Amino acid sequence: MTKHEIYTAIDPVFRELFDQYEGPLSDNLTAHDVEQWDSLGNVQLVVAIEQVCNIHFAPQEVSGLPNLGALVDLIATKTAG
């Protein structure tokens, strides 16, 4: 999947989980930018993305990701083949 395809796929998931956030999704977006994006929200986001993209993350892969761009890059790696 391209980055554009990934953002298109995860946008509805992100908007449903974090319904108070109305800004754009971008590589630099972090949990500090989204009021509802706490530790539980992060787990929910990862699980939902796994389902939407039909992939699986190991806990060590997603712990400590600095921003949404890093998550999107990880998704791109997992969906590349």
N, C-alpha and C. Protein backbone atom coordinates (compact mmCIF):
# COMPACT_ATOMS: atom_id res chain seq x y z
N MET A 1 0.85 -1.19 0.00
CA MET A 1 0.00 0.00 0.00
C MET A 1 0.88 1.25 0.00
N THR A 2 0.45 2.25 -0.72
CA THR A 2 1.15 3.53 -0.69
C THR A 2 0.73 4.29 0.57
N LYS A 3 1.48 5.33 0.90
CA LYS A 3 1.12 6.15 2.05
C LYS A 3 -0.27 6.75 1.88
N HIS A 4 -0.57 7.18 0.66
CA HIS A 4 -1.88 7.77 0.40
C HIS A 4 -2.98 6.73 0.65
N GLU A 5 -2.78 5.52 0.16
CA GLU A 5 -3.76 4.46 0.37
C GLU A 5 -3.92 4.13 1.84
N ILE A 6 -2.82 4.15 2.57
CA ILE A 6 -2.88 3.86 4.01
C ILE A 6 -3.66 4.96 4.73
N TYR A 7 -3.34 6.21 4.45
CA TYR A 7 -4.08 7.30 5.09
C TYR A 7 -5.57 7.24 4.74
N THR A 8 -5.89 6.88 3.51
CA THR A 8 -7.28 6.74 3.11
C THR A 8 -7.96 5.62 3.90
N ALA A 9 -7.24 4.52 4.11
CA ALA A 9 -7.81 3.38 4.84
C ALA A 9 -7.98 3.66 6.33
N ILE A 10 -7.02 4.38 6.92
CA ILE A 10 -7.08 4.57 8.38
C ILE A 10 -7.84 5.82 8.80
N ASP A 11 -8.10 6.73 7.87
CA ASP A 11 -8.81 7.97 8.22
C ASP A 11 -10.15 7.69 8.91
N PRO A 12 -11.02 6.83 8.35
CA PRO A 12 -12.30 6.58 9.02
C PRO A 12 -12.14 5.95 10.40
N VAL A 13 -11.15 5.08 10.54
CA VAL A 13 -10.88 4.45 11.84
C VAL A 13 -10.48 5.51 12.85
N PHE A 14 -9.56 6.36 12.44
CA PHE A 14 -9.06 7.43 13.31
C PHE A 14 -10.20 8.36 13.71
N ARG A 15 -11.03 8.75 12.76
CA ARG A 15 -12.13 9.69 13.02
C ARG A 15 -13.19 9.07 13.94
N GLU A 16 -13.41 7.77 13.82
CA GLU A 16 -14.38 7.13 14.70
C GLU A 16 -13.85 7.04 16.13
N LEU A 17 -12.59 6.67 16.27
CA LEU A 17 -12.01 6.55 17.61
C LEU A 17 -11.83 7.90 18.30
N PHE A 18 -11.37 8.86 17.53
CA PHE A 18 -11.05 10.17 18.08
C PHE A 18 -11.98 11.21 17.46
N ASP A 19 -13.26 11.07 17.75
CA ASP A 19 -14.29 11.88 17.09
C ASP A 19 -14.22 13.36 17.40
N GLN A 20 -13.48 13.74 18.41
CA GLN A 20 -13.35 15.17 18.72
C GLN A 20 -12.25 15.83 17.89
N TYR A 21 -11.41 15.03 17.24
CA TYR A 21 -10.33 15.59 16.42
C TYR A 21 -10.84 15.85 15.02
N GLU A 22 -10.70 17.08 14.56
CA GLU A 22 -11.20 17.46 13.25
C GLU A 22 -10.11 17.89 12.29
N GLY A 23 -8.88 17.86 12.75
CA GLY A 23 -7.77 18.30 11.91
C GLY A 23 -7.34 17.25 10.91
N PRO A 24 -6.34 17.59 10.12
CA PRO A 24 -5.86 16.65 9.11
C PRO A 24 -4.98 15.57 9.74
N LEU A 25 -4.95 14.42 9.09
CA LEU A 25 -4.01 13.37 9.47
C LEU A 25 -2.72 13.65 8.72
N SER A 26 -1.61 13.62 9.43
CA SER A 26 -0.32 13.90 8.80
C SER A 26 0.76 13.08 9.48
N ASP A 27 1.91 13.02 8.85
CA ASP A 27 3.03 12.27 9.40
C ASP A 27 3.45 12.77 10.78
N ASN A 28 3.33 14.05 11.02
CA ASN A 28 3.81 14.64 12.27
C ASN A 28 2.80 14.60 13.41
N LEU A 29 1.60 14.08 13.16
CA LEU A 29 0.56 14.04 14.18
C LEU A 29 0.96 13.09 15.32
N THR A 30 0.81 13.56 16.55
CA THR A 30 1.14 12.74 17.72
C THR A 30 -0.05 12.70 18.67
N ALA A 31 0.04 11.83 19.66
CA ALA A 31 -1.01 11.72 20.67
C ALA A 31 -1.19 13.04 21.42
N HIS A 32 -0.14 13.83 21.51
CA HIS A 32 -0.25 15.13 22.19
C HIS A 32 -1.15 16.11 21.44
N ASP A 33 -1.34 15.85 20.15
CA ASP A 33 -2.18 16.72 19.31
C ASP A 33 -3.66 16.35 19.35
N VAL A 34 -3.97 15.16 19.88
CA VAL A 34 -5.34 14.63 19.86
C VAL A 34 -5.75 14.32 21.28
N GLU A 35 -6.70 15.08 21.80
CA GLU A 35 -7.09 14.98 23.20
C GLU A 35 -7.47 13.54 23.61
N GLN A 36 -8.19 12.84 22.78
CA GLN A 36 -8.67 11.50 23.13
C GLN A 36 -7.63 10.40 22.92
N TRP A 37 -6.50 10.71 22.34
CA TRP A 37 -5.49 9.71 22.00
C TRP A 37 -4.61 9.44 23.22
N ASP A 38 -5.14 8.62 24.11
CA ASP A 38 -4.40 8.21 25.30
C ASP A 38 -3.92 6.77 25.11
N SER A 39 -3.44 6.12 26.16
CA SER A 39 -2.90 4.77 26.02
C SER A 39 -3.97 3.77 25.56
N LEU A 40 -5.19 3.89 26.08
CA LEU A 40 -6.27 3.01 25.65
C LEU A 40 -6.63 3.29 24.19
N GLY A 41 -6.70 4.54 23.84
CA GLY A 41 -6.97 4.93 22.46
C GLY A 41 -5.91 4.42 21.50
N ASN A 42 -4.68 4.40 21.96
CA ASN A 42 -3.60 3.90 21.13
C ASN A 42 -3.77 2.41 20.85
N VAL A 43 -4.11 1.65 21.89
CA VAL A 43 -4.34 0.21 21.71
C VAL A 43 -5.52 -0.01 20.76
N GLN A 44 -6.59 0.74 20.95
CA GLN A 44 -7.76 0.60 20.08
C GLN A 44 -7.42 0.95 18.63
N LEU A 45 -6.61 1.98 18.45
CA LEU A 45 -6.20 2.38 17.11
C LEU A 45 -5.38 1.28 16.44
N VAL A 46 -4.44 0.72 17.15
CA VAL A 46 -3.59 -0.33 16.60
C VAL A 46 -4.42 -1.55 16.22
N VAL A 47 -5.32 -1.97 17.11
CA VAL A 47 -6.17 -3.14 16.84
C VAL A 47 -7.07 -2.88 15.63
N ALA A 48 -7.65 -1.70 15.56
CA ALA A 48 -8.53 -1.38 14.43
C ALA A 48 -7.74 -1.35 13.12
N ILE A 49 -6.54 -0.81 13.15
CA ILE A 49 -5.71 -0.77 11.94
C ILE A 49 -5.32 -2.18 11.52
N GLU A 50 -5.02 -3.03 12.49
CA GLU A 50 -4.72 -4.43 12.16
C GLU A 50 -5.88 -5.06 11.39
N GLN A 51 -7.09 -4.79 11.84
CA GLN A 51 -8.27 -5.37 11.19
C GLN A 51 -8.48 -4.78 9.80
N VAL A 52 -8.40 -3.47 9.68
CA VAL A 52 -8.66 -2.80 8.41
C VAL A 52 -7.60 -3.16 7.36
N CYS A 53 -6.36 -3.26 7.79
CA CYS A 53 -5.26 -3.52 6.85
C CYS A 53 -4.88 -5.00 6.78
N ASN A 54 -5.55 -5.83 7.56
CA ASN A 54 -5.30 -7.27 7.57
C ASN A 54 -3.83 -7.60 7.84
N ILE A 55 -3.31 -6.99 8.90
CA ILE A 55 -1.92 -7.20 9.31
C ILE A 55 -1.90 -7.43 10.81
N HIS A 56 -0.74 -7.78 11.33
CA HIS A 56 -0.57 -7.94 12.78
C HIS A 56 0.72 -7.27 13.21
N PHE A 57 0.64 -6.54 14.31
CA PHE A 57 1.81 -5.90 14.88
C PHE A 57 2.25 -6.65 16.12
N ALA A 58 3.54 -6.83 16.28
CA ALA A 58 4.08 -7.30 17.55
C ALA A 58 4.14 -6.09 18.48
N PRO A 59 3.94 -6.30 19.78
CA PRO A 59 3.94 -5.15 20.70
C PRO A 59 5.19 -4.28 20.59
N GLN A 60 6.34 -4.90 20.42
CA GLN A 60 7.58 -4.12 20.34
C GLN A 60 7.65 -3.27 19.07
N GLU A 61 6.88 -3.63 18.04
CA GLU A 61 6.87 -2.83 16.81
C GLU A 61 6.16 -1.51 16.99
N VAL A 62 5.13 -1.49 17.80
CA VAL A 62 4.31 -0.28 17.92
C VAL A 62 4.61 0.53 19.18
N SER A 63 5.32 -0.05 20.12
CA SER A 63 5.64 0.71 21.33
C SER A 63 6.71 1.74 21.01
N GLY A 64 6.46 2.94 21.38
CA GLY A 64 7.44 4.00 21.19
C GLY A 64 7.45 4.65 19.82
N LEU A 65 6.46 4.37 18.98
CA LEU A 65 6.41 5.08 17.70
C LEU A 65 6.21 6.57 17.97
N PRO A 66 7.01 7.43 17.37
CA PRO A 66 6.96 8.85 17.73
C PRO A 66 5.78 9.63 17.17
N ASN A 67 5.19 9.14 16.06
CA ASN A 67 4.11 9.90 15.43
C ASN A 67 3.34 9.02 14.46
N LEU A 68 2.29 9.57 13.89
CA LEU A 68 1.46 8.82 12.96
C LEU A 68 2.24 8.42 11.72
N GLY A 69 3.16 9.24 11.28
CA GLY A 69 3.97 8.91 10.11
C GLY A 69 4.77 7.63 10.31
N ALA A 70 5.30 7.44 11.50
CA ALA A 70 6.06 6.22 11.80
C ALA A 70 5.13 5.00 11.75
N LEU A 71 3.91 5.16 12.23
CA LEU A 71 2.93 4.06 12.16
C LEU A 71 2.57 3.77 10.71
N VAL A 72 2.36 4.80 9.93
CA VAL A 72 2.03 4.62 8.51
C VAL A 72 3.20 3.94 7.79
N ASP A 73 4.42 4.32 8.09
CA ASP A 73 5.59 3.67 7.49
C ASP A 73 5.64 2.19 7.86
N LEU A 74 5.31 1.87 9.11
CA LEU A 74 5.28 0.48 9.55
C LEU A 74 4.19 -0.30 8.80
N ILE A 75 3.04 0.31 8.64
CA ILE A 75 1.95 -0.32 7.88
C ILE A 75 2.40 -0.57 6.45
N ALA A 76 3.08 0.40 5.85
CA ALA A 76 3.56 0.25 4.47
C ALA A 76 4.53 -0.91 4.36
N THR A 77 5.39 -1.07 5.34
CA THR A 77 6.33 -2.18 5.35
C THR A 77 5.60 -3.51 5.45
N LYS A 78 4.60 -3.56 6.32
CA LYS A 78 3.85 -4.80 6.54
C LYS A 78 2.99 -5.17 5.34
N THR A 79 2.53 -4.21 4.59
CA THR A 79 1.63 -4.49 3.47
C THR A 79 2.38 -4.58 2.14
N ALA A 80 3.69 -4.40 2.18
CA ALA A 80 4.48 -4.39 0.95
C ALA A 80 4.62 -5.77 0.33
N GLY A 81 4.43 -6.80 1.11
CA GLY A 81 4.53 -8.07 0.46
C GLY A 81 4.89 -9.15 1.38
